[in-house]
Amino acid sequence: MSMGRYVGYAISQCENCTHATKWGDGAGRGWQCKAFADEIPPEIVKGKIAHDRPIAGDGGYYYTPRIYAIGTFIKTERKRVGLTQVEFALRSGLGLRFVRDLEQGKPTVRLDKVNQALLMFGHIAGPIPYKEQTE
């Protein structure tokens, strides 16, 4: 199956989606997506629209979060605001070990500490629908 590409910075939506993969071929780095054969629409890449429901031309694929999306979200947002893991740990009141474990997708972490990390970016953990999509 051909996959659309985007050269440039990663955004949380694509980075956390099961249908997107990173690529690099010497000419640049970016994202490939099963949903768009030619190119990921710039509105999605730039975060202007969310691809959490079908969009014309997406072939039935849309944003499906990876299981470890919270850790990836924290890491992406932390880097976006220019904080190291040490700086983030100090500002959030969390331990460095916890921050590292969370960003690396440790499956067993304390929910209160997860929310403490998420609140740094104005979010909290909550129930969201999870839909398995078949290829």
N, C-alpha and C. Protein backbone atom coordinates (compact mmCIF):
# COMPACT_ATOMS: atom_id res chain seq x y z
N MET A 1 0.84 -1.18 0.00
CA MET A 1 0.00 0.00 0.00
C MET A 1 0.88 1.24 0.00
N SER A 2 0.59 2.17 -0.87
CA SER A 2 1.35 3.41 -0.87
C SER A 2 0.91 4.28 0.29
N MET A 3 1.84 5.11 0.75
CA MET A 3 1.55 5.94 1.90
C MET A 3 1.96 7.38 1.61
N GLY A 4 1.12 8.31 2.01
CA GLY A 4 1.43 9.73 1.85
C GLY A 4 2.57 10.12 2.75
N ARG A 5 3.31 11.14 2.34
CA ARG A 5 4.44 11.60 3.12
C ARG A 5 4.31 13.07 3.45
N TYR A 6 4.98 13.46 4.52
CA TYR A 6 5.10 14.86 4.88
C TYR A 6 6.51 15.08 5.39
N VAL A 7 7.21 16.06 4.86
CA VAL A 7 8.55 16.39 5.32
C VAL A 7 8.42 17.54 6.30
N GLY A 8 9.00 17.38 7.47
CA GLY A 8 8.97 18.47 8.43
C GLY A 8 8.82 17.98 9.85
N TYR A 9 8.37 18.85 10.68
CA TYR A 9 8.27 18.56 12.10
C TYR A 9 7.12 17.62 12.40
N ALA A 10 7.32 16.79 13.40
CA ALA A 10 6.26 15.89 13.84
C ALA A 10 5.24 16.68 14.65
N ILE A 11 4.01 16.25 14.56
CA ILE A 11 2.98 16.82 15.43
C ILE A 11 2.42 15.70 16.27
N SER A 12 1.90 16.02 17.43
CA SER A 12 1.40 15.00 18.34
C SER A 12 0.41 14.07 17.68
N GLN A 13 -0.53 14.61 16.91
CA GLN A 13 -1.58 13.80 16.31
C GLN A 13 -0.98 12.69 15.45
N CYS A 14 -0.06 13.02 14.57
CA CYS A 14 0.53 12.00 13.69
C CYS A 14 1.49 11.09 14.47
N GLU A 15 2.25 11.68 15.35
CA GLU A 15 3.24 10.89 16.08
C GLU A 15 2.59 9.83 16.95
N ASN A 16 1.39 10.08 17.42
CA ASN A 16 0.69 9.14 18.29
C ASN A 16 -0.25 8.21 17.56
N CYS A 17 -0.32 8.28 16.25
CA CYS A 17 -1.29 7.50 15.48
C CYS A 17 -0.68 6.18 15.00
N THR A 18 -1.49 5.13 15.06
CA THR A 18 -1.02 3.81 14.62
C THR A 18 -0.79 3.74 13.11
N HIS A 19 -1.35 4.66 12.34
CA HIS A 19 -1.24 4.62 10.89
C HIS A 19 -0.07 5.44 10.34
N ALA A 20 0.63 6.15 11.21
CA ALA A 20 1.74 6.99 10.76
C ALA A 20 3.06 6.38 11.18
N THR A 21 4.05 6.51 10.31
CA THR A 21 5.39 6.05 10.61
C THR A 21 6.39 7.10 10.18
N LYS A 22 7.52 7.17 10.90
CA LYS A 22 8.59 8.09 10.52
C LYS A 22 9.34 7.50 9.34
N TRP A 23 9.92 8.36 8.54
CA TRP A 23 10.78 7.89 7.47
C TRP A 23 11.92 8.88 7.31
N GLY A 24 12.99 8.43 6.73
CA GLY A 24 14.14 9.27 6.43
C GLY A 24 14.91 8.61 5.31
N ASP A 25 15.20 9.36 4.28
CA ASP A 25 15.88 8.77 3.13
C ASP A 25 17.04 9.62 2.63
N GLY A 26 17.58 10.46 3.48
CA GLY A 26 18.68 11.32 3.06
C GLY A 26 18.19 12.65 2.52
N ALA A 27 17.00 12.69 1.96
CA ALA A 27 16.45 13.93 1.41
C ALA A 27 15.65 14.69 2.46
N GLY A 28 15.46 14.09 3.59
CA GLY A 28 14.69 14.75 4.63
C GLY A 28 14.04 13.72 5.53
N ARG A 29 13.35 14.21 6.53
CA ARG A 29 12.63 13.33 7.45
C ARG A 29 11.20 13.80 7.54
N GLY A 30 10.33 12.90 7.86
CA GLY A 30 8.94 13.28 7.98
C GLY A 30 8.09 12.10 8.37
N TRP A 31 6.84 12.12 7.93
CA TRP A 31 5.87 11.12 8.31
C TRP A 31 5.22 10.51 7.08
N GLN A 32 4.93 9.22 7.15
CA GLN A 32 4.14 8.52 6.15
C GLN A 32 2.82 8.16 6.82
N CYS A 33 1.76 8.15 6.05
CA CYS A 33 0.46 7.83 6.60
C CYS A 33 -0.32 6.94 5.65
N LYS A 34 -0.94 5.90 6.19
CA LYS A 34 -1.75 5.00 5.37
C LYS A 34 -3.01 5.69 4.85
N ALA A 35 -3.46 6.71 5.56
CA ALA A 35 -4.72 7.37 5.20
C ALA A 35 -4.63 8.15 3.89
N PHE A 36 -3.49 8.72 3.59
CA PHE A 36 -3.37 9.59 2.42
C PHE A 36 -2.24 9.09 1.54
N ALA A 37 -2.60 8.60 0.36
CA ALA A 37 -1.63 7.97 -0.54
C ALA A 37 -0.58 8.94 -1.07
N ASP A 38 -0.97 10.19 -1.34
CA ASP A 38 -0.03 11.13 -1.95
C ASP A 38 0.68 12.01 -0.92
N GLU A 39 -0.09 12.64 -0.06
CA GLU A 39 0.48 13.59 0.88
C GLU A 39 -0.48 13.79 2.05
N ILE A 40 0.08 13.88 3.25
CA ILE A 40 -0.75 14.19 4.41
C ILE A 40 -1.16 15.65 4.28
N PRO A 41 -2.46 15.95 4.34
CA PRO A 41 -2.90 17.34 4.18
C PRO A 41 -2.23 18.28 5.18
N PRO A 42 -1.73 19.42 4.71
CA PRO A 42 -1.05 20.37 5.60
C PRO A 42 -1.89 20.79 6.80
N GLU A 43 -3.22 20.85 6.64
CA GLU A 43 -4.07 21.25 7.76
C GLU A 43 -3.97 20.27 8.92
N ILE A 44 -3.79 18.99 8.61
CA ILE A 44 -3.63 17.98 9.65
C ILE A 44 -2.24 18.08 10.26
N VAL A 45 -1.23 18.18 9.41
CA VAL A 45 0.15 18.25 9.88
C VAL A 45 0.36 19.45 10.79
N LYS A 46 -0.21 20.58 10.42
CA LYS A 46 -0.03 21.81 11.21
C LYS A 46 -0.97 21.90 12.40
N GLY A 47 -1.82 20.88 12.57
CA GLY A 47 -2.71 20.85 13.72
C GLY A 47 -3.92 21.75 13.60
N LYS A 48 -4.23 22.22 12.39
CA LYS A 48 -5.38 23.10 12.21
C LYS A 48 -6.69 22.32 12.25
N ILE A 49 -6.66 21.06 11.83
CA ILE A 49 -7.83 20.20 11.95
C ILE A 49 -7.40 18.86 12.55
N ALA A 50 -8.29 18.27 13.30
CA ALA A 50 -8.02 16.96 13.88
C ALA A 50 -8.56 15.89 12.94
N HIS A 51 -7.81 14.83 12.79
CA HIS A 51 -8.22 13.74 11.92
C HIS A 51 -8.78 12.60 12.77
N ASP A 52 -9.70 12.96 13.66
CA ASP A 52 -10.29 11.96 14.56
C ASP A 52 -11.61 11.40 14.04
N ARG A 53 -11.98 11.78 12.83
CA ARG A 53 -13.16 11.25 12.16
C ARG A 53 -12.83 11.24 10.66
N PRO A 54 -13.59 10.49 9.88
CA PRO A 54 -13.28 10.39 8.45
C PRO A 54 -13.22 11.75 7.74
N ILE A 55 -12.27 11.85 6.84
CA ILE A 55 -12.08 13.03 5.99
C ILE A 55 -12.01 12.51 4.56
N ALA A 56 -12.56 13.26 3.62
CA ALA A 56 -12.53 12.84 2.22
C ALA A 56 -11.11 12.48 1.80
N GLY A 57 -10.99 11.31 1.19
CA GLY A 57 -9.70 10.88 0.67
C GLY A 57 -8.82 10.11 1.64
N ASP A 58 -9.33 9.83 2.85
CA ASP A 58 -8.47 9.15 3.83
C ASP A 58 -8.55 7.62 3.76
N GLY A 59 -9.33 7.09 2.83
CA GLY A 59 -9.40 5.65 2.64
C GLY A 59 -9.96 4.90 3.84
N GLY A 60 -10.67 5.59 4.71
CA GLY A 60 -11.24 4.93 5.88
C GLY A 60 -10.33 4.88 7.09
N TYR A 61 -9.10 5.36 6.95
CA TYR A 61 -8.18 5.41 8.07
C TYR A 61 -8.27 6.79 8.71
N TYR A 62 -8.32 6.83 10.02
CA TYR A 62 -8.23 8.11 10.71
C TYR A 62 -7.53 7.89 12.04
N TYR A 63 -7.28 8.98 12.74
CA TYR A 63 -6.47 8.95 13.95
C TYR A 63 -6.90 7.84 14.91
N THR A 64 -5.97 6.94 15.17
CA THR A 64 -6.16 5.89 16.14
C THR A 64 -4.94 5.92 17.06
N PRO A 65 -5.14 6.31 18.31
CA PRO A 65 -3.98 6.48 19.19
C PRO A 65 -3.27 5.18 19.51
N ARG A 66 -1.97 5.29 19.63
CA ARG A 66 -1.18 4.16 20.10
C ARG A 66 -1.39 4.01 21.59
N ILE A 67 -1.16 2.85 22.09
CA ILE A 67 -1.37 2.59 23.51
C ILE A 67 -0.49 3.50 24.37
N TYR A 68 0.71 3.79 23.94
CA TYR A 68 1.63 4.60 24.74
C TYR A 68 1.56 6.09 24.39
N ALA A 69 0.42 6.54 23.93
CA ALA A 69 0.29 7.91 23.45
C ALA A 69 0.53 8.97 24.52
N ILE A 70 0.22 8.71 25.78
CA ILE A 70 0.42 9.74 26.80
C ILE A 70 1.89 10.07 26.96
N GLY A 71 2.73 9.06 27.03
CA GLY A 71 4.17 9.31 27.15
C GLY A 71 4.72 10.05 25.96
N THR A 72 4.27 9.69 24.77
CA THR A 72 4.71 10.37 23.55
C THR A 72 4.21 11.81 23.55
N PHE A 73 2.98 12.03 23.99
CA PHE A 73 2.43 13.39 24.08
C PHE A 73 3.28 14.24 25.03
N ILE A 74 3.60 13.71 26.21
CA ILE A 74 4.41 14.46 27.18
C ILE A 74 5.76 14.80 26.58
N LYS A 75 6.40 13.83 25.95
CA LYS A 75 7.72 14.06 25.35
C LYS A 75 7.65 15.11 24.25
N THR A 76 6.65 15.00 23.38
CA THR A 76 6.50 15.95 22.27
C THR A 76 6.26 17.37 22.78
N GLU A 77 5.35 17.50 23.74
CA GLU A 77 5.03 18.83 24.29
C GLU A 77 6.21 19.40 25.07
N ARG A 78 6.89 18.56 25.82
CA ARG A 78 8.06 19.01 26.58
C ARG A 78 9.13 19.58 25.65
N LYS A 79 9.38 18.86 24.56
CA LYS A 79 10.38 19.33 23.59
C LYS A 79 9.90 20.59 22.87
N ARG A 80 8.59 20.66 22.59
CA ARG A 80 8.03 21.83 21.91
C ARG A 80 8.26 23.11 22.70
N VAL A 81 8.16 23.01 24.03
CA VAL A 81 8.37 24.20 24.87
C VAL A 81 9.82 24.36 25.30
N GLY A 82 10.68 23.47 24.82
CA GLY A 82 12.12 23.62 25.05
C GLY A 82 12.63 23.20 26.41
N LEU A 83 11.97 22.22 27.03
CA LEU A 83 12.42 21.74 28.33
C LEU A 83 13.14 20.41 28.21
N THR A 84 14.20 20.25 28.98
CA THR A 84 14.84 18.93 29.09
C THR A 84 14.02 18.10 30.06
N GLN A 85 14.31 16.83 30.13
CA GLN A 85 13.62 15.98 31.10
C GLN A 85 13.87 16.46 32.53
N VAL A 86 15.09 16.88 32.81
CA VAL A 86 15.44 17.37 34.15
C VAL A 86 14.63 18.63 34.47
N GLU A 87 14.57 19.57 33.54
CA GLU A 87 13.81 20.80 33.75
C GLU A 87 12.33 20.51 33.93
N PHE A 88 11.79 19.61 33.12
CA PHE A 88 10.39 19.25 33.23
C PHE A 88 10.09 18.62 34.59
N ALA A 89 10.97 17.72 35.02
CA ALA A 89 10.78 17.07 36.32
C ALA A 89 10.77 18.11 37.45
N LEU A 90 11.69 19.04 37.42
CA LEU A 90 11.75 20.07 38.45
C LEU A 90 10.51 20.96 38.43
N ARG A 91 10.10 21.42 37.27
CA ARG A 91 8.94 22.32 37.16
C ARG A 91 7.63 21.64 37.51
N SER A 92 7.52 20.34 37.21
CA SER A 92 6.26 19.63 37.46
C SER A 92 6.19 19.04 38.86
N GLY A 93 7.34 18.97 39.54
CA GLY A 93 7.37 18.35 40.87
C GLY A 93 7.44 16.84 40.83
N LEU A 94 7.75 16.30 39.67
CA LEU A 94 7.88 14.85 39.50
C LEU A 94 9.34 14.44 39.55
N GLY A 95 9.58 13.19 39.80
CA GLY A 95 10.94 12.69 39.79
C GLY A 95 11.42 12.44 38.36
N LEU A 96 12.71 12.59 38.15
CA LEU A 96 13.28 12.36 36.82
C LEU A 96 13.04 10.93 36.36
N ARG A 97 13.16 9.98 37.24
CA ARG A 97 12.94 8.57 36.89
C ARG A 97 11.52 8.37 36.37
N PHE A 98 10.53 9.00 37.04
CA PHE A 98 9.16 8.86 36.59
C PHE A 98 8.98 9.47 35.20
N VAL A 99 9.54 10.64 34.96
CA VAL A 99 9.42 11.30 33.65
C VAL A 99 10.00 10.40 32.57
N ARG A 100 11.17 9.85 32.82
CA ARG A 100 11.80 8.96 31.83
C ARG A 100 10.94 7.72 31.58
N ASP A 101 10.45 7.11 32.66
CA ASP A 101 9.60 5.92 32.51
C ASP A 101 8.34 6.24 31.72
N LEU A 102 7.70 7.37 32.03
CA LEU A 102 6.47 7.77 31.35
C LEU A 102 6.72 7.98 29.86
N GLU A 103 7.77 8.71 29.51
CA GLU A 103 8.06 8.99 28.10
C GLU A 103 8.46 7.74 27.34
N GLN A 104 9.00 6.75 28.01
CA GLN A 104 9.40 5.51 27.35
C GLN A 104 8.28 4.49 27.29
N GLY A 105 7.09 4.86 27.80
CA GLY A 105 5.93 4.00 27.66
C GLY A 105 5.80 2.90 28.69
N LYS A 106 6.37 3.11 29.88
CA LYS A 106 6.22 2.09 30.93
C LYS A 106 4.73 1.83 31.14
N PRO A 107 4.32 0.56 31.11
CA PRO A 107 2.89 0.25 31.17
C PRO A 107 2.25 0.44 32.54
N THR A 108 3.05 0.48 33.60
CA THR A 108 2.49 0.65 34.94
C THR A 108 3.04 1.92 35.58
N VAL A 109 2.24 2.97 35.56
CA VAL A 109 2.61 4.23 36.19
C VAL A 109 1.43 4.73 37.02
N ARG A 110 1.71 5.56 37.99
CA ARG A 110 0.64 6.08 38.85
C ARG A 110 -0.16 7.15 38.11
N LEU A 111 -1.48 6.98 38.15
CA LEU A 111 -2.37 7.90 37.44
C LEU A 111 -2.27 9.32 38.00
N ASP A 112 -2.12 9.48 39.31
CA ASP A 112 -2.02 10.83 39.87
C ASP A 112 -0.79 11.55 39.33
N LYS A 113 0.31 10.82 39.16
CA LYS A 113 1.52 11.43 38.61
C LYS A 113 1.38 11.69 37.11
N VAL A 114 0.67 10.82 36.41
CA VAL A 114 0.41 11.05 34.98
C VAL A 114 -0.37 12.35 34.83
N ASN A 115 -1.39 12.53 35.64
CA ASN A 115 -2.16 13.78 35.58
C ASN A 115 -1.33 14.99 35.97
N GLN A 116 -0.43 14.83 36.90
CA GLN A 116 0.47 15.93 37.28
C GLN A 116 1.32 16.35 36.08
N ALA A 117 1.79 15.38 35.31
CA ALA A 117 2.57 15.68 34.11
C ALA A 117 1.69 16.31 33.03
N LEU A 118 0.53 15.73 32.81
CA LEU A 118 -0.39 16.25 31.78
C LEU A 118 -0.85 17.67 32.08
N LEU A 119 -1.05 17.99 33.35
CA LEU A 119 -1.51 19.33 33.73
C LEU A 119 -0.51 20.42 33.35
N MET A 120 0.74 20.05 33.19
CA MET A 120 1.74 21.02 32.73
C MET A 120 1.38 21.57 31.36
N PHE A 121 0.58 20.82 30.60
CA PHE A 121 0.18 21.24 29.26
C PHE A 121 -1.33 21.40 29.14
N GLY A 122 -1.99 21.55 30.29
CA GLY A 122 -3.42 21.82 30.29
C GLY A 122 -4.30 20.62 29.96
N HIS A 123 -3.83 19.41 30.25
CA HIS A 123 -4.59 18.19 29.96
C HIS A 123 -4.71 17.34 31.22
N ILE A 124 -5.67 16.42 31.20
CA ILE A 124 -5.77 15.37 32.22
C ILE A 124 -6.12 14.07 31.51
N ALA A 125 -5.85 12.97 32.17
CA ALA A 125 -6.19 11.67 31.61
C ALA A 125 -7.69 11.45 31.75
N GLY A 126 -8.29 10.80 30.79
CA GLY A 126 -9.71 10.52 30.85
C GLY A 126 -10.08 9.43 29.87
N PRO A 127 -11.28 8.92 29.98
CA PRO A 127 -11.70 7.85 29.07
C PRO A 127 -11.93 8.39 27.66
N ILE A 128 -11.33 7.73 26.71
CA ILE A 128 -11.54 8.07 25.31
C ILE A 128 -11.88 6.79 24.56
N PRO A 129 -12.69 6.89 23.53
CA PRO A 129 -13.01 5.67 22.78
C PRO A 129 -11.79 5.16 22.03
N TYR A 130 -11.63 3.87 22.03
CA TYR A 130 -10.53 3.26 21.29
C TYR A 130 -11.15 2.36 20.24
N LYS A 131 -10.80 2.62 18.97
CA LYS A 131 -11.37 1.83 17.88
C LYS A 131 -10.25 1.10 17.16
N GLU A 132 -10.35 -0.19 17.11
CA GLU A 132 -9.41 -0.97 16.31
C GLU A 132 -9.83 -0.83 14.85
N GLN A 133 -8.88 -0.55 13.98
CA GLN A 133 -9.18 -0.48 12.56
C GLN A 133 -8.39 -1.57 11.86
N THR A 134 -9.02 -2.27 10.98
CA THR A 134 -8.35 -3.32 10.24
C THR A 134 -7.88 -2.79 8.91
N GLU A 135 -6.84 -3.40 8.42
CA GLU A 135 -6.30 -2.96 7.13
C GLU A 135 -6.94 -3.70 5.99
